[in-house]
Protein backbone atom coordinates (compact mmCIF):
# COMPACT_ATOMS: atom_id res chain seq x y z
CA MET A 1 111.52 120.86 125.77
CA ALA A 2 108.35 119.75 127.58
CA PRO A 3 106.24 117.14 125.77
CA VAL A 4 103.02 118.28 124.11
CA LEU A 5 101.57 114.77 124.39
CA THR A 6 102.17 112.09 127.01
CA ALA A 7 100.71 108.59 126.91
CA LYS A 8 101.43 106.71 130.13
CA ASN A 9 101.01 103.00 130.90
CA LEU A 10 98.35 102.43 128.25
CA THR A 11 96.83 98.96 128.08
CA LEU A 12 94.49 98.31 125.14
CA ARG A 13 92.36 95.23 124.60
CA PHE A 14 89.94 94.31 121.82
CA PRO A 15 86.45 93.41 123.13
CA GLY A 16 86.37 89.74 124.10
CA ALA A 17 90.11 89.19 123.65
CA GLU A 18 91.91 87.19 126.34
CA THR A 19 95.15 89.15 126.10
CA PRO A 20 95.71 92.89 125.55
CA THR A 21 96.88 94.22 122.21
CA LEU A 22 99.27 96.57 124.00
CA ARG A 23 100.34 96.59 127.63
CA ASP A 24 101.90 99.41 129.68
CA PHE A 25 102.72 101.53 126.63
CA SER A 26 104.25 104.94 127.37
CA ILE A 27 105.53 107.66 125.05
CA GLU A 28 106.20 111.39 125.06
CA ILE A 29 105.98 113.58 121.96
CA GLU A 30 107.71 116.94 122.05
CA ARG A 31 106.11 120.06 120.63
CA GLY A 32 106.73 120.26 116.88
CA ALA A 33 108.38 116.82 116.69
CA PHE A 34 107.87 114.23 113.93
CA VAL A 35 107.71 110.74 115.42
CA ALA A 36 107.07 107.59 113.36
CA LEU A 37 105.53 104.48 114.91
CA VAL A 38 106.24 101.19 113.09
CA GLY A 39 105.45 97.54 113.64
CA GLY A 40 104.09 94.45 111.95
CA SER A 41 100.48 93.93 110.90
CA GLY A 42 98.14 93.40 113.84
CA VAL A 43 100.58 94.71 116.43
CA GLY A 44 98.16 97.47 117.45
CA LYS A 45 99.50 100.61 115.77
CA SER A 46 96.13 101.90 114.55
CA THR A 47 94.42 100.91 117.80
CA LEU A 48 97.00 102.89 119.73
CA LEU A 49 96.56 105.92 117.50
CA ARG A 50 92.79 105.87 118.05
CA ALA A 51 93.30 105.72 121.80
CA ILE A 52 95.65 108.72 121.63
CA ALA A 53 93.09 110.52 119.45
CA GLY A 54 90.41 109.96 122.10
CA LEU A 55 88.37 107.66 119.84
CA LEU A 56 88.96 104.57 121.98
CA ASP A 57 89.03 104.22 125.76
CA PRO A 58 92.07 102.34 127.10
CA GLU A 59 91.64 99.55 129.61
CA SER A 60 94.11 101.43 131.79
CA GLY A 61 96.57 104.29 131.52
CA THR A 62 96.25 107.92 130.51
CA VAL A 63 96.70 110.25 127.54
CA ALA A 64 97.47 113.87 128.38
CA LEU A 65 98.02 116.98 126.29
CA SER A 66 100.01 119.80 127.85
CA SER A 67 98.63 122.52 125.59
CA PRO A 68 95.57 124.41 126.83
CA GLU A 69 92.15 124.32 125.22
CA ARG A 70 91.79 127.35 122.95
CA ALA A 71 88.79 128.84 121.21
CA GLY A 72 88.66 128.01 117.52
CA GLN A 73 91.18 125.17 117.73
CA ARG A 74 91.40 121.48 118.55
CA ARG A 75 94.42 120.15 120.36
CA ARG A 76 94.66 117.02 118.19
CA ALA A 77 93.41 115.90 114.81
CA ILE A 78 93.66 112.61 112.92
CA VAL A 79 94.23 111.71 109.27
CA PHE A 80 93.09 108.23 108.18
CA GLN A 81 94.28 105.93 105.39
CA ASP A 82 91.58 106.84 102.88
CA GLY A 83 91.05 110.60 103.28
CA ARG A 84 87.41 110.03 104.37
CA LEU A 85 85.95 112.84 102.27
CA LEU A 86 82.20 113.28 102.04
CA PRO A 87 81.33 112.63 98.37
CA TRP A 88 78.45 115.14 98.26
CA ARG A 89 80.61 118.04 99.42
CA SER A 90 83.19 119.97 97.42
CA LEU A 91 86.83 119.95 98.52
CA ALA A 92 86.44 123.32 100.25
CA ALA A 93 83.25 122.14 101.96
CA ASN A 94 85.01 118.98 103.14
CA VAL A 95 87.72 121.07 104.74
CA GLU A 96 85.03 123.27 106.29
CA TYR A 97 83.39 120.16 107.78
CA GLY A 98 86.34 119.83 110.15
CA LEU A 99 85.68 123.36 111.42
CA GLU A 100 82.05 122.74 112.33
CA GLY A 101 81.48 122.99 116.05
CA LEU A 102 84.28 125.51 116.59
CA SER A 103 81.93 128.54 116.51
CA LEU A 104 84.08 130.46 114.05
CA PRO A 105 82.73 133.47 112.13
CA ALA A 106 82.13 132.81 108.44
CA ALA A 107 85.06 135.02 107.41
CA GLU A 108 87.44 133.13 109.71
CA ARG A 109 86.23 129.78 108.35
CA ARG A 110 86.83 130.97 104.81
CA ALA A 111 90.30 132.24 105.72
CA ARG A 112 91.18 128.91 107.36
CA ILE A 113 89.99 126.97 104.30
CA ASP A 114 92.00 129.18 101.94
CA GLU A 115 95.07 128.89 104.18
CA VAL A 116 95.18 125.09 104.38
CA LEU A 117 94.23 124.55 100.73
CA SER A 118 97.12 126.82 99.80
CA LEU A 119 99.45 125.01 102.21
CA THR A 120 98.55 121.63 100.71
CA ARG A 121 98.63 123.05 97.15
CA LEU A 122 94.96 122.29 96.53
CA ASP A 123 93.61 125.83 96.27
CA HIS A 124 92.99 125.49 92.50
CA LEU A 125 90.76 122.46 93.21
CA ALA A 126 88.54 123.99 95.91
CA ASP A 127 85.30 123.56 93.94
CA ARG A 128 85.91 119.99 92.83
CA TYR A 129 84.22 116.96 94.37
CA PRO A 130 86.06 113.89 95.71
CA HIS A 131 85.37 111.81 92.59
CA GLN A 132 87.16 114.48 90.56
CA LEU A 133 90.36 114.19 92.64
CA SER A 134 93.30 111.81 92.35
CA GLY A 135 94.26 109.53 95.23
CA GLY A 136 97.10 111.82 96.22
CA GLN A 137 94.84 114.86 96.15
CA VAL A 138 92.30 113.09 98.36
CA GLN A 139 95.02 112.36 100.91
CA ARG A 140 96.23 115.95 100.86
CA ALA A 141 92.62 117.02 101.35
CA GLY A 142 92.43 114.88 104.48
CA ILE A 143 95.58 116.57 105.76
CA ALA A 144 94.15 120.01 104.92
CA ARG A 145 90.96 119.27 106.85
CA ALA A 146 92.97 118.18 109.89
CA LEU A 147 95.25 121.23 109.75
CA ALA A 148 92.30 123.62 109.50
CA VAL A 149 91.57 123.11 113.21
CA ARG A 150 95.18 124.15 113.98
CA PRO A 151 96.06 121.10 116.09
CA ASP A 152 99.06 120.89 118.37
CA VAL A 153 99.32 117.18 117.50
CA LEU A 154 98.53 115.66 114.10
CA LEU A 155 97.92 111.90 114.22
CA MET A 156 98.37 110.05 110.93
CA ASP A 157 97.26 106.44 110.42
CA GLU A 158 99.18 105.04 107.41
CA PRO A 159 97.94 107.93 105.25
CA PHE A 160 99.90 106.94 102.13
CA SER A 161 99.27 103.18 102.12
CA ALA A 162 96.55 103.29 99.44
CA VAL A 163 98.45 105.24 96.78
CA ASP A 164 100.99 104.12 94.18
CA ALA A 165 104.73 104.32 94.80
CA LEU A 166 105.28 107.45 92.69
CA THR A 167 102.45 109.32 94.40
CA ARG A 168 103.64 108.11 97.78
CA GLY A 169 107.09 109.60 97.26
CA ALA A 170 105.57 112.94 96.26
CA LEU A 171 103.25 112.91 99.29
CA GLN A 172 106.16 112.20 101.62
CA ASP A 173 107.94 115.30 100.36
CA GLU A 174 104.74 117.34 100.59
CA LEU A 175 104.08 116.25 104.17
CA LEU A 176 107.57 117.24 105.28
CA ARG A 177 107.07 120.69 103.75
CA ILE A 178 103.65 121.01 105.42
CA TRP A 179 105.00 119.85 108.78
CA GLU A 180 107.79 122.42 108.72
CA ALA A 181 105.31 125.16 107.81
CA SER A 182 102.59 124.23 110.31
CA GLY A 183 104.63 123.69 113.48
CA ALA A 184 102.37 120.81 114.60
CA ALA A 185 103.81 117.69 116.19
CA ILE A 186 103.17 114.58 114.10
CA LEU A 187 102.74 110.98 115.26
CA PHE A 188 102.91 109.00 112.02
CA VAL A 189 101.89 105.34 111.93
CA THR A 190 103.33 103.24 109.09
CA HIS A 191 104.35 99.64 108.40
CA ASP A 192 107.06 100.93 106.01
CA ILE A 193 110.35 101.25 107.88
CA ALA A 194 112.06 103.11 105.05
CA GLU A 195 109.24 105.67 105.05
CA ALA A 196 109.55 106.09 108.82
CA ALA A 197 113.32 106.58 108.64
CA LEU A 198 113.01 108.95 105.70
CA MET A 199 110.57 111.36 107.31
CA SER A 200 110.84 111.34 111.07
CA GLN A 201 113.09 112.56 113.85
CA ARG A 202 112.40 109.42 115.89
CA VAL A 203 111.35 105.91 114.92
CA VAL A 204 109.50 103.97 117.62
CA VAL A 205 109.21 100.22 117.01
CA LEU A 206 106.33 98.15 118.41
CA ALA A 207 106.63 94.38 118.63
CA GLY A 208 105.51 91.43 120.74
CA GLN A 209 102.18 90.12 121.95
CA PRO A 210 101.01 92.09 123.84
CA ALA A 211 103.00 94.74 122.01
CA SER A 212 105.42 97.13 123.63
CA ILE A 213 108.20 99.46 122.52
CA VAL A 214 111.27 97.43 121.59
CA ARG A 215 113.23 100.29 120.06
CA ASP A 216 113.18 104.09 120.09
CA THR A 217 115.72 105.48 117.62
CA ALA A 218 116.67 109.10 116.99
CA VAL A 219 117.24 109.78 113.28
CA THR A 220 120.06 112.29 112.86
CA LEU A 221 120.70 112.13 109.11
CA PRO A 222 119.94 115.47 107.38
CA LEU A 223 116.19 115.51 106.73
CA HIS A 224 116.08 116.47 103.06
CA GLU A 225 119.14 114.47 102.03
CA ARG A 226 118.40 111.06 103.51
CA ARG A 227 117.54 109.18 100.34
CA ALA A 228 121.03 109.90 98.97
CA ARG A 229 123.00 109.33 102.17
CA PRO A 230 125.14 106.17 102.36
CA GLY A 231 124.03 105.53 105.95
CA PHE A 232 120.32 105.48 105.14
CA ALA A 233 120.10 101.84 104.03
CA GLU A 234 122.05 100.76 107.11
CA LEU A 235 119.66 102.73 109.36
CA VAL A 236 116.62 101.03 107.79
CA GLU A 237 118.22 97.61 108.15
CA ASP A 238 119.13 98.35 111.77
CA ILE A 239 115.54 99.32 112.64
CA GLN A 240 114.23 96.29 110.74
CA GLY A 241 116.32 94.09 113.01
CA ALA A 242 114.24 95.17 116.03
CA LEU A 243 111.07 93.61 114.59
């Protein structure tokens, strides 16, 4: 299958830094795939994701999307660590914010909002404001807003890092369900190797200074049975050894 996203020979450098954060980084993401990107703190995971999202210009290299531009859609969308909801807007209005600039008729906007709130199981909370939502609900709202633009690629920057362990486990299961329903490819940045191995089809490991890919592992354990599989702990330990 042809990749939906290709990053080729990316070099990224913080302003004023003597050495790049990443050098000659290349990756391909297939349409509908779930790829996790892991690495230690400061290795450049979030910086890389912002470059792929078009929020940061690389020093060199290219990011290309194979899908065409389509009216009423964006080819990529990003979900951050903290949900980034506007406190003065209701949940539904926050989701609608992501649709601004797409020139959609009011009825289509409403249908999109209803669709993604239902998909993320937030439809009963549409009129609530961010301060009335739990941490897990805020994160699901961020995912809903990103999905409303119907992206081909969903970029996720450690979206569950700020929630407690119980909520995190529930959000992991929810995201897998949403991914299977949406058909979008996901590039998921996390520092948690067990989380990466639990959710993804591939785990890409960044390490070094400047960072580069030191491991790219296909995960073949059955997706919804991994926690209980005897080989899961060994897989996590094996990936950990690449760091």
